[in-house]
Amino acid sequence: MTITTPHTRSTIQWTAVQSGLWVGKLDGEFAGMIEARRGTGFAATTRLGKELGMFPSIEAAKASFTPR
């Protein structure tokens, strides 16, 4: 008999560590960061340093991350 458990999708928890800088954690591990850049938007970077792009809002930048 095989027992399977439903996959629960974790969400990234965001914390503002200073003005204009948010750090995300997923299951207690660093997931990435978002930096507000004056006049240009919000830059999102993964935990491995991959740039996800510039976004017009913090919400759009957060949405650019996909949990593992």
N, C-alpha and C. Protein backbone atom coordinates (compact mmCIF):
# COMPACT_ATOMS: atom_id res chain seq x y z
N MET A 1 0.83 -1.18 0.00
CA MET A 1 0.00 0.00 0.00
C MET A 1 0.88 1.24 0.00
N THR A 2 0.57 2.18 -0.87
CA THR A 2 1.31 3.43 -0.94
C THR A 2 0.50 4.56 -0.35
N ILE A 3 1.12 5.29 0.53
CA ILE A 3 0.44 6.44 1.12
C ILE A 3 1.03 7.70 0.51
N THR A 4 0.18 8.52 -0.01
CA THR A 4 0.64 9.78 -0.58
C THR A 4 0.05 10.92 0.23
N THR A 5 0.82 11.96 0.32
CA THR A 5 0.33 13.15 1.01
C THR A 5 0.15 14.25 -0.02
N PRO A 6 -0.89 15.02 0.12
CA PRO A 6 -1.07 16.10 -0.85
C PRO A 6 0.05 17.12 -0.73
N HIS A 7 0.50 17.59 -1.87
CA HIS A 7 1.57 18.59 -1.89
C HIS A 7 0.99 19.93 -1.46
N THR A 8 1.56 20.50 -0.43
CA THR A 8 1.12 21.83 0.00
C THR A 8 2.10 22.84 -0.55
N ARG A 9 1.57 23.84 -1.16
CA ARG A 9 2.41 24.86 -1.77
C ARG A 9 2.75 25.92 -0.74
N SER A 10 4.03 26.05 -0.42
CA SER A 10 4.48 27.04 0.54
C SER A 10 4.49 28.41 -0.11
N THR A 11 4.33 29.41 0.71
CA THR A 11 4.41 30.77 0.20
C THR A 11 5.62 31.46 0.81
N ILE A 12 6.16 32.37 0.08
CA ILE A 12 7.32 33.12 0.56
C ILE A 12 6.83 34.15 1.57
N GLN A 13 7.52 34.22 2.68
CA GLN A 13 7.23 35.22 3.72
C GLN A 13 8.19 36.38 3.54
N TRP A 14 7.65 37.57 3.34
CA TRP A 14 8.46 38.75 3.07
C TRP A 14 8.61 39.62 4.31
N THR A 15 9.82 40.13 4.53
CA THR A 15 10.11 41.02 5.65
C THR A 15 10.86 42.23 5.12
N ALA A 16 10.40 43.42 5.52
CA ALA A 16 11.12 44.65 5.18
C ALA A 16 12.27 44.79 6.17
N VAL A 17 13.50 44.67 5.69
CA VAL A 17 14.66 44.71 6.57
C VAL A 17 15.21 46.12 6.72
N GLN A 18 14.89 46.98 5.77
CA GLN A 18 15.20 48.40 5.84
C GLN A 18 14.36 49.08 4.78
N SER A 19 14.37 50.38 4.77
CA SER A 19 13.56 51.12 3.81
C SER A 19 13.96 50.73 2.39
N GLY A 20 12.99 50.20 1.62
CA GLY A 20 13.24 49.86 0.22
C GLY A 20 13.89 48.52 -0.01
N LEU A 21 13.98 47.66 1.03
CA LEU A 21 14.61 46.36 0.85
C LEU A 21 13.80 45.29 1.58
N TRP A 22 13.35 44.28 0.83
CA TRP A 22 12.57 43.17 1.37
C TRP A 22 13.34 41.87 1.16
N VAL A 23 13.32 41.02 2.17
CA VAL A 23 13.96 39.71 2.09
C VAL A 23 12.88 38.65 2.23
N GLY A 24 12.92 37.66 1.35
CA GLY A 24 11.93 36.59 1.37
C GLY A 24 12.51 35.29 1.89
N LYS A 25 11.71 34.59 2.69
CA LYS A 25 12.10 33.26 3.17
C LYS A 25 11.02 32.25 2.79
N LEU A 26 11.48 31.08 2.40
CA LEU A 26 10.59 29.98 2.04
C LEU A 26 11.00 28.78 2.89
N ASP A 27 10.09 28.31 3.72
CA ASP A 27 10.39 27.20 4.62
C ASP A 27 11.63 27.47 5.46
N GLY A 28 11.79 28.72 5.90
CA GLY A 28 12.90 29.10 6.77
C GLY A 28 14.21 29.39 6.06
N GLU A 29 14.25 29.25 4.75
CA GLU A 29 15.49 29.48 3.99
C GLU A 29 15.35 30.73 3.12
N PHE A 30 16.47 31.42 2.91
CA PHE A 30 16.49 32.61 2.07
C PHE A 30 15.98 32.27 0.67
N ALA A 31 15.01 33.04 0.19
CA ALA A 31 14.42 32.79 -1.13
C ALA A 31 14.80 33.85 -2.15
N GLY A 32 15.11 35.05 -1.67
CA GLY A 32 15.46 36.13 -2.57
C GLY A 32 15.21 37.48 -1.93
N MET A 33 15.37 38.52 -2.75
CA MET A 33 15.16 39.86 -2.23
C MET A 33 14.57 40.77 -3.29
N ILE A 34 13.97 41.84 -2.80
CA ILE A 34 13.40 42.86 -3.67
C ILE A 34 13.92 44.21 -3.19
N GLU A 35 14.39 44.99 -4.14
CA GLU A 35 14.94 46.30 -3.82
C GLU A 35 14.18 47.38 -4.59
N ALA A 36 13.71 48.39 -3.87
CA ALA A 36 13.05 49.53 -4.52
C ALA A 36 14.14 50.40 -5.13
N ARG A 37 13.96 50.74 -6.38
CA ARG A 37 14.92 51.62 -7.06
C ARG A 37 14.18 52.87 -7.49
N ARG A 38 14.57 53.96 -6.91
CA ARG A 38 13.90 55.23 -7.12
C ARG A 38 13.72 55.54 -8.60
N GLY A 39 12.49 55.74 -8.99
CA GLY A 39 12.19 56.13 -10.35
C GLY A 39 12.12 55.01 -11.37
N THR A 40 12.57 53.80 -10.99
CA THR A 40 12.57 52.72 -11.98
C THR A 40 11.71 51.53 -11.58
N GLY A 41 11.37 51.39 -10.30
CA GLY A 41 10.51 50.28 -9.88
C GLY A 41 11.17 49.41 -8.83
N PHE A 42 10.87 48.13 -8.89
CA PHE A 42 11.31 47.17 -7.89
C PHE A 42 12.08 46.04 -8.57
N ALA A 43 13.33 45.86 -8.16
CA ALA A 43 14.20 44.82 -8.73
C ALA A 43 14.09 43.57 -7.87
N ALA A 44 13.82 42.43 -8.50
CA ALA A 44 13.69 41.15 -7.81
C ALA A 44 14.86 40.25 -8.17
N THR A 45 15.46 39.64 -7.14
CA THR A 45 16.62 38.76 -7.32
C THR A 45 16.42 37.48 -6.52
N THR A 46 16.67 36.33 -7.13
CA THR A 46 16.50 35.05 -6.44
C THR A 46 17.63 34.81 -5.45
N ARG A 47 17.50 33.74 -4.69
CA ARG A 47 18.50 33.37 -3.69
C ARG A 47 19.85 33.04 -4.32
N LEU A 48 19.84 32.69 -5.60
CA LEU A 48 21.08 32.37 -6.31
C LEU A 48 21.63 33.55 -7.09
N GLY A 49 21.03 34.72 -6.92
CA GLY A 49 21.50 35.91 -7.59
C GLY A 49 20.95 36.14 -8.98
N LYS A 50 20.00 35.33 -9.41
CA LYS A 50 19.39 35.50 -10.73
C LYS A 50 18.41 36.67 -10.68
N GLU A 51 18.61 37.62 -11.58
CA GLU A 51 17.71 38.76 -11.65
C GLU A 51 16.42 38.36 -12.36
N LEU A 52 15.29 38.62 -11.70
CA LEU A 52 14.00 38.29 -12.29
C LEU A 52 13.44 39.47 -13.08
N GLY A 53 13.98 40.66 -12.87
CA GLY A 53 13.55 41.81 -13.64
C GLY A 53 13.15 42.98 -12.78
N MET A 54 12.66 44.03 -13.45
CA MET A 54 12.15 45.24 -12.80
C MET A 54 10.64 45.20 -12.90
N PHE A 55 9.97 45.59 -11.82
CA PHE A 55 8.52 45.53 -11.76
C PHE A 55 7.96 46.86 -11.28
N PRO A 56 6.75 47.19 -11.72
CA PRO A 56 6.18 48.50 -11.39
C PRO A 56 5.69 48.62 -9.95
N SER A 57 5.49 47.48 -9.26
CA SER A 57 4.98 47.52 -7.89
C SER A 57 5.64 46.41 -7.07
N ILE A 58 5.59 46.57 -5.75
CA ILE A 58 6.12 45.53 -4.87
C ILE A 58 5.32 44.24 -5.03
N GLU A 59 4.02 44.36 -5.24
CA GLU A 59 3.18 43.17 -5.43
C GLU A 59 3.59 42.39 -6.67
N ALA A 60 3.87 43.10 -7.75
CA ALA A 60 4.29 42.44 -8.99
C ALA A 60 5.65 41.78 -8.81
N ALA A 61 6.54 42.43 -8.08
CA ALA A 61 7.87 41.84 -7.82
C ALA A 61 7.73 40.57 -6.99
N LYS A 62 6.90 40.59 -5.96
CA LYS A 62 6.68 39.40 -5.13
C LYS A 62 6.08 38.26 -5.96
N ALA A 63 5.17 38.60 -6.85
CA ALA A 63 4.52 37.59 -7.69
C ALA A 63 5.48 36.94 -8.68
N SER A 64 6.62 37.59 -8.94
CA SER A 64 7.58 37.03 -9.91
C SER A 64 8.31 35.81 -9.36
N PHE A 65 8.25 35.58 -8.05
CA PHE A 65 8.88 34.43 -7.43
C PHE A 65 7.92 33.25 -7.48
N THR A 66 8.42 32.09 -7.85
CA THR A 66 7.60 30.89 -7.84
C THR A 66 8.21 29.93 -6.83
N PRO A 67 7.45 29.53 -5.82
CA PRO A 67 8.00 28.60 -4.83
C PRO A 67 8.42 27.29 -5.48
N ARG A 68 9.41 26.66 -4.89
CA ARG A 68 9.91 25.38 -5.39
C ARG A 68 8.92 24.28 -5.23
